[in-house]
Protein backbone atom coordinates (compact mmCIF):
# COMPACT_ATOMS: atom_id res chain seq x y z
CA PHE A 1 29.13 -30.96 -55.93
CA PRO A 2 27.29 -34.74 -56.09
CA ASN A 3 27.66 -34.51 -59.98
CA ASN A 4 31.03 -32.77 -60.24
CA ARG A 5 33.30 -34.83 -62.27
CA PHE A 6 36.56 -33.39 -60.92
CA ILE A 7 35.52 -34.18 -57.42
CA ALA A 8 34.48 -37.59 -58.24
CA ARG A 9 37.87 -38.33 -60.09
CA ALA A 10 39.73 -37.15 -57.16
CA TYR A 11 37.51 -39.22 -54.82
CA ALA A 12 38.16 -42.26 -57.06
CA ARG A 13 41.79 -41.97 -56.87
CA PHE A 14 41.63 -41.48 -53.20
CA LEU A 15 39.78 -44.84 -52.93
CA GLN A 16 42.38 -46.51 -55.08
CA GLU A 17 45.55 -45.11 -53.77
CA ILE A 18 44.87 -44.50 -50.35
CA LYS A 19 42.07 -46.90 -49.02
CA ALA A 20 42.99 -49.62 -51.47
CA ASP A 21 39.13 -49.96 -52.00
CA ILE A 22 39.00 -51.47 -55.23
CA LYS A 23 35.15 -51.91 -55.30
CA GLY A 24 34.50 -48.43 -54.22
CA PHE A 25 36.91 -47.33 -56.99
CA GLN A 26 35.16 -49.23 -59.63
CA GLU A 27 31.84 -47.58 -58.52
CA TRP A 28 33.12 -44.29 -58.87
CA VAL A 29 34.88 -44.92 -62.04
CA GLU A 30 31.54 -45.75 -63.47
CA LYS A 31 29.92 -42.44 -61.97
CA VAL A 32 32.75 -40.55 -63.55
CA LYS A 33 32.15 -42.09 -67.06
CA ILE A 34 28.59 -41.02 -66.66
CA LEU A 35 29.52 -37.68 -65.66
CA GLN A 36 31.95 -37.26 -68.60
CA ARG A 37 28.95 -37.74 -70.97
CA GLY A 38 26.94 -34.92 -69.43
CA LEU A 39 24.62 -36.98 -67.37
CA THR A 40 23.91 -37.02 -63.58
CA ALA A 41 25.16 -39.88 -61.71
CA THR A 42 23.58 -38.91 -58.24
CA VAL A 43 20.17 -37.23 -57.71
CA ASP A 44 20.89 -33.53 -56.74
CA ASN A 45 17.86 -32.62 -54.59
CA THR A 46 18.91 -29.03 -54.34
CA ASN A 47 18.66 -28.85 -58.32
CA VAL A 48 15.43 -30.74 -58.56
CA LEU A 49 13.64 -28.70 -55.95
CA GLY A 50 14.96 -25.45 -57.35
CA ILE A 51 13.71 -26.48 -60.69
CA GLU A 52 10.37 -27.31 -59.27
CA ALA A 53 10.11 -23.97 -57.55
CA PHE A 54 11.43 -21.77 -60.37
CA PRO A 55 10.51 -23.68 -63.63
CA ASN A 56 11.84 -21.12 -65.93
CA LEU A 57 15.39 -21.60 -64.88
CA PRO A 58 17.73 -23.57 -67.38
CA ARG A 59 18.33 -27.09 -66.29
CA VAL A 60 22.04 -26.87 -67.44
CA LEU A 61 24.19 -23.87 -66.86
CA ALA A 62 25.57 -22.78 -70.28
CA VAL A 63 28.56 -20.59 -70.09
CA ARG A 64 29.94 -18.72 -73.09
CA ASN A 65 33.36 -17.02 -73.48
CA ASP A 66 33.31 -14.38 -76.07
CA ASN A 67 36.96 -13.45 -75.53
CA GLY A 68 38.22 -16.93 -76.72
CA PRO A 69 38.62 -20.36 -75.60
CA MET A 70 38.41 -21.17 -72.00
CA GLN A 71 41.60 -21.74 -70.17
CA ALA A 72 42.43 -25.48 -69.41
CA THR A 73 41.92 -26.24 -65.87
CA GLY A 74 44.43 -28.03 -63.72
CA GLU A 75 42.95 -31.25 -64.50
CA THR A 76 41.32 -31.85 -68.10
CA GLU A 77 39.48 -34.81 -69.38
CA SER A 78 42.68 -36.25 -71.03
CA ALA A 79 45.08 -35.22 -68.25
CA PHE A 80 43.85 -37.94 -66.25
CA GLN A 81 42.82 -41.42 -67.33
CA LEU A 82 41.14 -43.90 -64.98
CA GLU A 83 42.04 -47.35 -65.54
CA VAL A 84 40.94 -50.41 -63.77
CA ASP A 85 43.13 -53.47 -63.66
CA ILE A 86 41.74 -55.98 -61.10
CA GLU A 87 42.44 -59.05 -62.77
CA ASP A 88 45.11 -60.37 -60.49
CA ASP A 89 43.30 -62.15 -57.82
CA GLN A 90 46.49 -62.11 -55.47
CA VAL A 91 46.78 -58.39 -55.84
CA ASN A 92 42.95 -57.96 -54.92
CA GLU A 93 43.34 -60.16 -52.06
CA GLN A 94 46.30 -58.15 -50.79
CA LEU A 95 44.58 -55.00 -51.39
CA SER A 96 41.71 -56.28 -49.44
CA GLY A 97 43.64 -57.18 -46.48
CA ILE A 98 45.13 -53.52 -46.49
CA ARG A 99 41.70 -51.92 -46.97
CA ASP A 100 40.57 -53.97 -43.87
CA GLN A 101 43.50 -53.04 -41.82
CA ILE A 102 42.85 -49.34 -42.74
CA ASN A 103 39.19 -49.44 -41.94
CA ALA A 104 39.88 -51.21 -38.56
CA LEU A 105 42.70 -48.74 -37.68
CA LYS A 106 41.87 -46.78 -34.49
CA ILE A 107 44.16 -44.05 -33.39
CA PRO A 108 43.77 -43.72 -29.61
CA SER A 109 44.36 -40.01 -29.54
CA LEU A 110 41.66 -39.21 -31.98
CA ARG A 111 39.34 -41.52 -30.09
CA LEU A 112 40.25 -39.58 -26.94
CA ILE A 113 39.60 -36.26 -28.55
CA THR A 114 36.21 -37.47 -30.01
CA THR A 115 35.11 -38.83 -26.47
CA MET A 116 36.26 -35.73 -24.73
CA SER A 117 34.54 -33.41 -27.25
CA ILE A 118 31.25 -35.26 -26.75
CA PHE A 119 31.59 -35.33 -23.16
CA THR A 120 32.54 -31.86 -22.84
CA PHE A 121 29.69 -30.60 -25.02
CA ILE A 122 27.04 -32.67 -23.02
CA LEU A 123 28.35 -31.89 -19.39
CA PHE A 124 29.25 -28.27 -19.86
CA ILE A 125 26.48 -27.10 -22.57
CA VAL A 126 23.68 -29.43 -22.62
CA VAL A 127 23.36 -30.43 -19.03
CA PRO A 128 23.89 -26.99 -17.66
CA VAL A 129 20.92 -25.67 -19.75
CA ILE A 130 18.62 -28.47 -18.57
CA VAL A 131 19.79 -27.97 -15.05
CA VAL A 132 19.31 -24.30 -15.18
CA ILE A 133 15.88 -24.48 -16.77
CA VAL A 134 14.68 -26.80 -14.00
CA VAL A 135 16.29 -24.77 -11.15
CA ALA A 136 14.96 -21.56 -12.71
CA LYS A 137 11.48 -22.58 -12.58
CA ILE A 138 11.82 -23.76 -8.96
CA TYR A 139 13.62 -20.50 -7.99
CA ILE A 140 10.92 -18.41 -9.75
CA THR A 141 8.15 -20.28 -7.84
CA SER A 142 9.91 -19.71 -4.47
CA LEU A 143 10.04 -15.90 -5.37
CA ASN A 144 6.32 -16.08 -5.70
CA GLN A 145 5.95 -16.51 -1.87
CA PRO A 146 7.53 -13.34 -0.37
CA LEU A 147 5.35 -11.52 -3.39
CA GLU A 148 2.24 -13.24 -2.12
CA TYR A 149 3.00 -12.54 1.40
CA LEU A 150 3.36 -8.82 0.39
CA TYR A 151 0.30 -8.81 -1.56
CA TYR A 152 -1.86 -9.97 1.24
CA LEU A 153 -0.31 -7.71 3.79
CA SER A 154 -1.08 -4.86 1.53
CA TYR A 155 -4.44 -5.74 0.72
CA LEU A 156 -5.17 -6.55 4.40
CA ARG A 157 -3.96 -3.00 5.37
CA THR A 158 -6.38 -1.48 2.70
CA LEU A 159 -9.44 -3.49 3.99
CA ALA A 160 -8.43 -2.55 7.66
CA ASN A 161 -9.06 1.20 6.55
CA GLN A 162 -12.01 0.46 4.09
CA LEU A 163 -14.21 -1.67 6.39
CA PRO A 164 -14.51 0.94 9.19
CA SER A 165 -15.00 3.80 6.90
CA PHE A 166 -17.72 1.98 4.95
CA SER A 167 -19.48 0.62 8.06
CA PHE A 168 -19.48 3.85 9.76
CA HIS A 169 -20.69 5.77 6.77
CA SER A 170 -23.41 3.34 6.24
CA ILE A 171 -24.87 3.90 9.78
CA PHE A 172 -25.16 7.47 9.30
CA GLU A 173 -26.72 7.18 5.80
CA GLU A 174 -29.80 6.15 7.84
CA PHE A 175 -29.47 7.91 11.23
CA PRO A 176 -30.50 10.13 12.92
CA PHE A 177 -33.91 9.23 11.43
CA GLU A 178 -34.98 12.88 11.09
CA LYS A 179 -32.14 13.90 9.02
CA PRO A 180 -29.37 11.50 8.17
CA LEU A 181 -25.78 12.65 8.63
CA PHE A 182 -24.57 11.38 5.21
CA GLU A 183 -26.09 11.15 1.86
CA LYS A 184 -26.31 7.86 0.09
CA PRO A 185 -23.83 7.88 -2.66
CA ASN A 186 -25.45 7.80 -6.10
CA LEU A 187 -23.48 5.00 -7.86
CA SER A 188 -26.23 4.13 -10.54
CA ASP A 189 -23.99 4.96 -13.68
CA ILE A 190 -20.60 3.62 -12.24
CA GLU A 191 -19.50 -0.07 -12.33
CA ILE A 192 -17.40 -1.17 -9.28
CA PRO A 193 -16.35 -4.50 -9.48
CA SER A 194 -13.74 -4.08 -6.81
CA LEU A 195 -16.79 -3.57 -4.33
CA GLY A 196 -18.51 -6.68 -5.57
CA GLY A 197 -20.57 -4.57 -8.06
CA SER A 198 -23.03 -3.32 -5.36
CA LYS A 199 -24.46 0.05 -5.21
CA LYS A 200 -25.52 0.31 -1.45
CA THR A 201 -22.69 1.04 1.08
CA LYS A 202 -23.87 -1.72 3.43
CA ASP A 203 -23.62 -4.41 0.74
CA GLN A 204 -20.12 -3.22 -0.26
CA TYR A 205 -18.76 -3.56 3.26
CA THR A 206 -20.48 -6.77 3.58
CA TYR A 207 -18.44 -7.87 0.33
CA LEU A 208 -15.51 -6.57 1.81
CA ILE A 209 -15.94 -8.72 4.77
CA LYS A 210 -15.81 -11.69 2.72
CA GLN A 211 -12.68 -10.48 1.06
CA LEU A 212 -11.14 -9.85 4.54
CA THR A 213 -11.94 -13.52 5.54
CA THR A 214 -10.57 -14.94 2.38
CA ASN A 215 -7.19 -13.02 2.51
CA LEU A 216 -6.84 -13.89 6.42
CA GLU A 217 -7.24 -17.48 5.55
CA ALA A 218 -4.72 -17.23 2.58
CA ILE A 219 -2.02 -15.26 4.76
CA GLY A 220 -2.25 -18.01 7.44
CA ARG A 221 -0.06 -20.43 5.21
CA PHE A 222 2.89 -17.95 5.65
CA ARG A 223 3.11 -18.52 9.37
CA ALA A 224 6.21 -20.93 9.00
CA TYR A 225 7.66 -18.93 6.00
CA LYS A 226 11.30 -18.30 6.42
CA ILE A 227 11.32 -18.69 10.26
CA ASP A 228 15.21 -18.85 10.37
CA ASN A 229 15.49 -15.58 8.62
CA GLU A 230 15.83 -12.48 11.12
CA MET A 231 13.95 -10.00 8.76
CA ILE A 232 10.97 -12.25 8.09
CA LYS A 233 10.84 -13.63 11.70
CA ARG A 234 10.39 -9.90 12.90
CA GLU A 235 7.38 -9.39 10.49
CA ASN A 236 5.99 -12.70 11.22
CA ASP A 237 5.77 -11.90 14.84
CA ARG A 238 3.87 -8.96 14.17
CA THR A 239 1.40 -10.63 11.85
CA TYR A 240 0.85 -13.96 13.89
CA LYS A 241 2.11 -13.31 17.48
CA SER A 242 0.21 -11.20 20.24
CA ILE A 243 2.45 -8.54 20.67
CA LEU A 244 0.40 -5.63 19.49
CA PRO A 245 -1.68 -3.37 21.91
CA TYR A 246 -5.55 -3.53 21.03
CA GLN A 247 -8.34 -1.71 22.68
CA PHE A 248 -11.32 -4.36 23.08
CA TYR A 249 -14.60 -2.46 24.04
CA GLN A 250 -17.20 -3.75 26.31
CA ASN A 251 -20.90 -3.10 25.77
CA ASN A 252 -20.94 -0.51 28.52
CA GLY A 253 -18.56 1.81 26.53
CA SER A 254 -15.43 0.90 28.67
CA TYR A 255 -12.47 -0.90 27.05
CA SER A 256 -9.61 -3.24 28.06
CA MET A 257 -6.07 -3.35 26.66
CA ILE A 258 -5.15 -6.73 25.36
CA ASN A 259 -2.16 -7.97 23.37
CA ILE A 260 -3.00 -9.26 19.81
CA SER A 261 -1.52 -10.08 16.42
CA ILE A 262 -2.45 -8.47 12.98
CA GLN A 263 -4.31 -11.48 12.02
CA SER A 264 -6.18 -11.74 15.29
CA ALA A 265 -7.04 -8.25 15.07
CA LEU A 266 -8.47 -8.52 11.71
CA MET A 267 -10.36 -11.66 12.65
CA ASP A 268 -11.86 -9.42 15.26
CA TYR A 269 -12.71 -6.94 12.58
CA SER A 270 -14.51 -9.53 10.65
CA ILE A 271 -16.50 -10.78 13.41
CA GLN A 272 -17.58 -7.40 14.70
CA LEU A 273 -18.53 -6.16 11.48
CA SER A 274 -20.46 -9.25 10.50
CA LYS A 275 -22.52 -8.67 13.52
CA LEU A 276 -23.06 -5.04 12.48
CA SER A 277 -24.19 -6.19 9.00
CA THR A 278 -26.90 -8.38 10.67
CA THR A 279 -28.00 -6.06 13.62
CA ASN A 280 -31.07 -4.04 13.34
CA ILE A 281 -29.67 -0.60 14.12
CA SER A 282 -33.00 0.94 14.41
CA ILE A 283 -33.69 -0.96 17.73
CA SER A 284 -29.96 -0.56 19.16
CA TYR A 285 -29.43 2.91 18.02
CA PRO A 286 -27.59 5.02 19.73
CA ASP A 287 -26.27 2.30 22.29
CA ILE A 288 -24.57 0.43 19.34
CA PHE A 289 -21.79 3.27 19.42
CA ASN A 290 -20.82 1.94 23.00
CA THR A 291 -20.11 -1.43 21.81
CA SER A 292 -17.37 -3.48 20.26
CA ILE A 293 -19.39 -3.93 17.04
CA VAL A 294 -18.73 -0.25 15.92
CA MET A 295 -15.72 0.81 18.32
CA ASN A 296 -13.28 -2.12 17.91
CA PRO A 297 -12.66 -1.48 14.22
CA LEU A 298 -12.83 2.12 14.51
CA VAL A 299 -10.29 3.03 17.27
CA ASN A 300 -7.66 0.21 16.27
CA THR A 301 -7.44 1.16 12.69
CA GLU A 302 -4.15 3.27 13.05
CA MET A 303 -2.49 0.69 15.30
CA ILE A 304 -3.18 -1.88 12.55
CA ASN A 305 -2.16 0.52 9.97
CA ASN A 306 1.39 1.18 11.44
CA ALA A 307 1.92 -2.45 12.42
CA THR A 308 0.98 -3.64 8.98
CA SER A 309 3.15 -1.07 7.08
CA PHE A 310 6.00 -2.11 9.20
CA SER A 311 5.51 -5.65 8.31
CA ILE A 312 5.24 -4.68 4.62
CA GLU A 313 8.58 -2.65 4.90
CA GLY A 314 10.26 -5.58 6.40
CA VAL A 315 9.16 -7.91 3.59
CA THR A 316 10.29 -5.34 1.02
CA GLU A 317 13.53 -5.08 2.76
CA TYR A 318 13.83 -8.91 2.62
CA ILE A 319 13.18 -9.02 -1.19
CA ARG A 320 15.72 -6.33 -1.60
CA SER A 321 18.28 -8.38 0.23
CA VAL A 322 17.45 -11.28 -1.91
CA GLU A 323 18.23 -9.16 -5.03
CA LYS A 324 21.71 -8.05 -3.53
CA ASP A 325 22.57 -11.52 -2.51
CA MET A 326 21.70 -13.01 -5.81
CA HIS A 327 23.84 -10.53 -7.59
CA LYS A 328 26.93 -11.25 -5.38
CA MET A 329 26.21 -15.12 -5.83
CA MET A 330 26.05 -14.87 -9.60
CA LEU A 331 29.18 -12.86 -9.69
CA ILE A 332 31.19 -15.14 -7.75
CA ILE A 333 29.76 -18.07 -9.79
CA LEU A 334 30.43 -16.27 -13.15
CA ILE A 335 34.16 -15.61 -12.17
CA ALA A 336 34.67 -19.11 -10.79
CA VAL A 337 33.20 -20.86 -13.62
CA ILE A 338 35.07 -18.85 -16.09
CA VAL A 339 38.34 -19.75 -14.23
CA PHE A 340 37.35 -23.22 -14.21
CA PHE A 341 36.72 -23.49 -17.81
CA VAL A 342 39.95 -21.63 -18.81
CA ILE A 343 41.97 -24.22 -16.68
CA TYR A 344 39.94 -27.05 -17.84
CA TYR A 345 40.31 -26.31 -21.69
CA PHE A 346 44.08 -25.51 -21.19
CA ILE A 347 44.45 -28.78 -19.79
CA LEU A 348 42.39 -30.65 -22.11
CA THR A 349 44.18 -28.89 -25.07
CA PHE A 350 47.69 -29.90 -23.62
CA ILE A 351 46.65 -33.53 -23.12
CA GLU A 352 45.03 -33.74 -26.65
CA ILE A 353 48.22 -32.39 -28.23
CA ARG A 354 50.56 -34.60 -26.36
CA LYS A 355 48.46 -37.74 -27.11
CA VAL A 356 48.48 -36.90 -30.90
CA GLU A 357 52.10 -36.29 -30.80
CA SER A 358 52.68 -39.42 -28.72
CA ASN A 359 50.64 -41.50 -31.38
CA LYS A 360 52.49 -39.79 -34.24
CA HIS A 361 55.78 -41.03 -32.82
CA GLU A 362 54.42 -44.48 -32.49
CA ILE A 363 53.48 -44.42 -36.27
CA TYR A 364 56.65 -43.26 -37.24
CA SER A 365 58.48 -45.67 -35.07
CA CYS A 366 56.50 -48.47 -36.75
CA LEU A 367 57.42 -47.13 -40.11
CA THR A 368 61.16 -46.87 -39.26
CA SER A 369 61.17 -50.35 -37.73
CA LEU A 370 60.42 -51.88 -41.29
CA PRO A 371 63.29 -53.64 -43.22
CA LYS A 372 65.93 -51.68 -44.75
CA ASN A 373 65.13 -52.69 -48.39
CA VAL A 374 61.41 -51.83 -47.76
CA VAL A 375 62.15 -48.45 -46.47
CA SER A 376 64.79 -47.83 -49.32
CA GLY A 377 62.11 -48.96 -51.84
CA LEU A 378 59.51 -46.66 -50.26
CA ALA A 379 61.93 -43.68 -50.16
CA GLU A 380 62.77 -44.35 -53.91
CA ALA A 381 59.27 -44.49 -54.92
CA LEU A 382 58.36 -41.19 -53.11
CA ARG A 383 61.34 -39.62 -54.90
CA ILE A 384 60.17 -41.03 -58.31
CA LEU A 385 56.64 -39.84 -57.42
CA LYS A 386 57.86 -36.24 -56.89
CA LYS A 387 59.53 -36.09 -60.13
CA ASP A 388 57.02 -37.53 -62.05
CA THR A 389 55.52 -34.28 -63.64
CA GLU A 390 54.52 -35.59 -67.00
CA GLY A 391 51.94 -38.28 -65.54
CA THR A 392 54.15 -41.37 -66.17
CA LYS A 393 53.38 -44.39 -64.39
CA THR A 394 54.84 -47.83 -63.75
CA SER A 395 53.76 -50.94 -65.28
CA GLU A 396 54.69 -53.53 -62.81
CA VAL A 397 52.43 -55.72 -61.19
CA ASP A 398 52.89 -54.27 -57.74
CA SER A 399 52.50 -50.56 -58.97
CA GLU A 400 49.31 -50.38 -56.96
CA PHE A 401 51.18 -51.18 -53.50
CA SER A 402 53.94 -48.69 -54.35
CA LYS A 403 51.54 -45.94 -55.18
CA GLN A 404 49.48 -46.48 -51.98
CA GLU A 405 52.53 -46.88 -49.76
CA ASP A 406 53.97 -43.63 -51.41
CA ASN A 407 50.78 -41.45 -50.62
CA ILE A 408 50.42 -42.97 -47.06
CA LEU A 409 54.19 -41.87 -46.34
CA LYS A 410 53.64 -38.65 -47.83
CA ILE A 411 50.52 -38.12 -45.64
CA PHE A 412 52.51 -38.88 -42.61
CA ALA A 413 55.40 -36.74 -43.40
CA THR A 414 53.07 -33.80 -43.91
CA ALA A 415 51.15 -34.36 -40.72
CA GLY A 416 54.40 -34.77 -38.74
CA ASP A 417 56.08 -31.86 -40.26
CA ASP A 418 58.36 -30.75 -37.16
CA THR A 419 59.86 -27.88 -39.13
CA ALA A 420 57.01 -25.60 -38.39
CA SER A 421 56.42 -23.89 -35.06
CA MET A 422 52.97 -25.74 -34.68
CA SER A 423 51.38 -28.12 -36.96
CA SER A 424 48.13 -27.57 -38.52
CA ASP A 425 46.41 -30.30 -36.31
CA ARG A 426 47.44 -28.36 -33.23
CA HIS A 427 45.74 -25.25 -34.63
CA VAL A 428 42.49 -27.25 -35.09
CA PHE A 429 42.54 -28.56 -31.52
CA ILE A 430 43.36 -25.15 -30.08
CA ILE A 431 40.63 -23.34 -32.16
CA CYS A 432 38.02 -25.86 -31.52
CA ASN A 433 38.54 -25.96 -27.69
CA CYS A 434 38.61 -22.02 -27.70
CA LEU A 435 35.39 -22.01 -29.52
CA LEU A 436 33.87 -24.20 -26.72
CA LEU A 437 35.54 -22.02 -24.24
CA VAL A 438 33.74 -19.07 -25.72
CA VAL A 439 30.43 -20.77 -25.80
CA ASP A 440 30.67 -21.98 -22.28
CA VAL A 441 31.64 -18.42 -20.95
CA VAL A 442 28.75 -16.76 -23.04
CA LEU A 443 26.33 -19.42 -21.99
CA THR A 444 27.38 -18.91 -18.16
CA TYR A 445 27.10 -15.22 -18.48
CA PHE A 446 23.55 -15.38 -19.96
CA LEU A 447 22.46 -17.97 -17.39
CA THR A 448 23.77 -16.13 -14.40
CA ASP A 449 22.47 -12.88 -15.91
CA MET A 450 19.00 -14.36 -16.11
CA PHE A 451 18.86 -15.00 -12.44
CA LYS A 452 20.06 -11.34 -11.73
CA LYS A 453 17.26 -10.00 -14.09
CA VAL A 454 14.48 -12.05 -12.17
CA THR A 455 15.41 -10.90 -8.88
CA SER A 456 16.08 -7.37 -10.19
CA SER A 457 12.60 -7.34 -11.70
CA LEU A 458 10.99 -8.62 -8.50
CA ASP A 459 12.91 -6.03 -6.36
CA SER A 460 11.93 -3.13 -8.67
CA ASN A 461 8.19 -4.12 -9.03
CA SER A 462 7.27 -5.65 -5.70
CA PRO A 463 7.35 -2.23 -3.70
CA HIS A 464 4.36 -1.14 -6.08
CA LEU A 465 2.05 -3.58 -4.31
CA ASN A 466 2.79 -1.58 -1.14
CA TYR A 467 2.45 1.89 -2.99
CA VAL A 468 -0.82 1.10 -4.91
CA PHE A 469 -2.68 -0.41 -2.02
CA GLY A 470 -0.93 1.92 0.43
CA ALA A 471 -2.37 5.11 -1.50
CA THR A 472 -5.75 3.54 -1.34
CA ALA A 473 -5.60 2.66 2.36
CA TYR A 474 -4.58 5.81 3.49
CA MET A 475 -7.17 7.59 1.32
CA MET A 476 -9.72 5.49 3.07
CA GLU A 477 -7.98 6.36 6.44
CA ALA A 478 -8.50 10.06 5.63
CA MET A 479 -12.12 9.66 4.65
CA ASN A 480 -12.78 7.86 7.99
CA ILE A 481 -11.26 10.62 9.95
CA MET A 482 -13.50 13.08 8.20
CA ASN A 483 -16.65 10.82 8.79
CA VAL A 484 -15.93 10.47 12.32
CA ALA A 485 -15.03 14.12 12.95
CA ALA A 486 -18.10 15.30 11.01
CA ALA A 487 -20.19 12.80 13.35
CA GLY A 488 -18.33 13.96 16.40
CA PHE A 489 -19.34 17.68 15.68
CA THR A 490 -23.09 16.56 16.27
CA ASP A 491 -24.86 15.04 18.98
CA SER A 492 -25.32 11.92 17.18
CA PHE A 493 -21.76 10.38 18.09
CA ASN A 494 -19.55 10.83 20.93
CA TYR A 495 -15.87 9.74 20.02
CA SER A 496 -13.16 9.47 22.58
CA ILE A 497 -11.12 11.83 20.54
CA ASN A 498 -12.16 15.48 20.05
CA SER A 499 -12.99 16.30 16.45
CA THR A 500 -10.74 19.23 16.21
CA ASP A 501 -7.76 17.01 17.36
CA LEU A 502 -9.00 14.24 15.07
CA LEU A 503 -8.72 16.51 12.09
CA ASP A 504 -5.42 17.36 13.01
CA THR A 505 -4.48 13.71 12.15
CA LEU A 506 -5.71 14.18 8.83
CA ASN A 507 -2.65 15.89 7.58
CA THR A 508 -0.56 12.63 8.31
CA ALA A 509 -2.76 10.62 6.70
CA TYR A 510 -2.82 12.69 3.73
CA THR A 511 1.05 12.92 3.86
CA TYR A 512 1.14 9.06 3.52
CA PHE A 513 -1.43 9.01 0.78
CA GLU A 514 0.81 11.46 -1.30
CA TYR A 515 3.87 9.57 -0.51
CA TYR A 516 2.44 6.19 -1.82
CA TYR A 517 0.62 7.87 -4.69
CA GLN A 518 3.89 9.59 -5.81
CA ARG A 519 5.89 6.46 -5.50
CA ALA A 520 3.40 4.50 -7.59
CA ARG A 521 2.97 6.92 -10.33
CA TYR A 522 6.43 8.65 -10.69
CA GLY A 523 8.73 6.49 -8.54
CA SER A 524 11.28 8.12 -6.36
CA GLY A 525 13.91 9.09 -9.08
CA SER A 526 16.30 6.47 -8.29
CA LYS A 527 16.99 3.43 -10.47
CA GLU A 528 15.64 0.89 -7.87
CA ASP A 529 12.37 2.76 -7.47
CA LYS A 530 10.70 3.09 -10.80
CA PRO A 531 7.04 4.24 -11.66
CA PHE A 532 4.52 1.52 -11.69
CA SER A 533 4.56 0.66 -15.42
CA TYR A 534 0.92 0.19 -15.80
CA PHE A 535 -0.40 3.22 -13.67
CA THR A 536 -0.43 5.55 -16.82
CA GLN A 537 -2.26 3.12 -18.77
CA ILE A 538 -4.97 2.59 -16.17
CA ASN A 539 -5.03 6.33 -15.42
CA GLU A 540 -5.94 7.13 -19.01
CA GLU A 541 -8.45 4.37 -19.05
CA ALA A 542 -10.20 5.83 -16.07
CA GLU A 543 -9.97 9.26 -17.59
CA GLU A 544 -11.62 8.27 -20.80
CA LYS A 545 -14.33 6.11 -18.91
CA TYR A 546 -15.31 8.73 -16.41
CA MET A 547 -14.94 11.86 -18.67
CA CYS A 548 -17.79 14.11 -18.65
CA ASP A 549 -19.93 14.79 -21.87
CA ASN A 550 -19.66 18.53 -21.95
CA GLN A 551 -16.72 20.03 -19.94
CA ASP A 552 -18.24 23.72 -20.59
CA ASP A 553 -21.48 22.85 -18.49
CA ILE A 554 -21.98 24.44 -15.20
CA LYS A 555 -21.03 21.75 -12.61
CA ARG A 556 -23.59 21.14 -9.63
CA SER A 557 -21.88 18.44 -7.72
CA TYR A 558 -18.43 17.50 -6.63
CA ARG A 559 -18.40 14.38 -8.69
CA GLU A 560 -18.97 16.42 -11.79
CA ILE A 561 -16.21 18.73 -10.75
CA TYR A 562 -13.49 16.14 -10.24
CA THR A 563 -14.56 14.07 -13.46
CA CYS A 564 -14.47 17.29 -15.72
């Protein structure tokens, strides 16, 4: 359109008849003359870049009409003649004054609409997005705390079962001297980074002691976490306060009951097992089985298991309550904000329309307050303008003034047409404000839905920390029960519980293992408790990694059996 002569002519007339901008009118007359000669008056960047990209395109579109001559358009070259008559300095001066008045004219209602539109866009669209982005980052960071708390509790429960099992097994890999009770596992062809990459059982539980110490230090920072929340406070009491019964063994085989916390009990695990890793068992065997070094971790595992599991369930329940509270809060916010926006935009639209109508009446009042002869002259000029279908024009000196006044009056009459039920400007205000309302409502929905999805994702995935670590923990507990029971059937170890009774508890450990494993791999069947998304992938990787070379070979060990 920059080089369309019809648009250029219409714009030139607008400058002359409406804005009284003679200088601009002259400039566009020259452009029209250039365009009439088939030249371009303004650089058309789109055309230039298009020709640059597609050089085979014609530079000028030639249209041929085989059916006959082209129909004349509403405005031909000869139908409109642009003439410039600016020799009268007095006329030019008066037109210049009118032009300056037009340029300086400010309609309060339009200024109000512009200001309110900018204010509404910034306050209700830009600012909320920025604020929500900042708040979302802070909120997501705050959600990491219960997740980390849950992680450390779950990992500590696993370590509380691994350490007694590994340490007890390592002792009987060397004793009795004549025939050790347990074989040393052959891990030469297996990579086990979770146990520090060590192949020996003693080195493995030494590594686990370091992990236990690190996690005990990390969980200490949650001592003051959500102390005003009843659910978290109950779990914090188990974790940090001395309310759990703990059997503390003396060197003579007797023990005393003391109250202790989960953190303190696991600290005692770390101390006793660190002593075991540095003790020369060949000298202290078999008296070492009557000391706290072996017995404290061994007999208190079930109590630590139960207490830690209750704490984990409490933290999981707290995360679930956070998700429910967030859904309720976001629903209330969504409804409240939508109601506010509807009321706000209704009031805003009503005020804008009333202001525009008020300014119209002021303008009409100014026009009707003109002298009677001036109004009659304008009305007569408007009548003549409507009848002038042949393009005739007056030749008086003040024809430019009459033409300008006629067009202004016609615009005002069209804008203030009260015969219609609703003028076009009202439609514009209502449509624009409705669009802003829709944008605000949609934006509010997505922002509130974002918070709901974050908490829902946390609620659906956080229990898997409990399930994955729990399956490992109770698998190690079952292994520990079998190790102790096996040693109890010999003269090498005299445990406080009969081996037969001890094996009866194996069913409980297996039940818990099955429960956690099933929840991690398959979920519970409800929407809230879904399978762990990465379990299948990790399981397939493990099957591929540990698959035997030939599944048809005769299997000679348990390991060959379960890998094939």
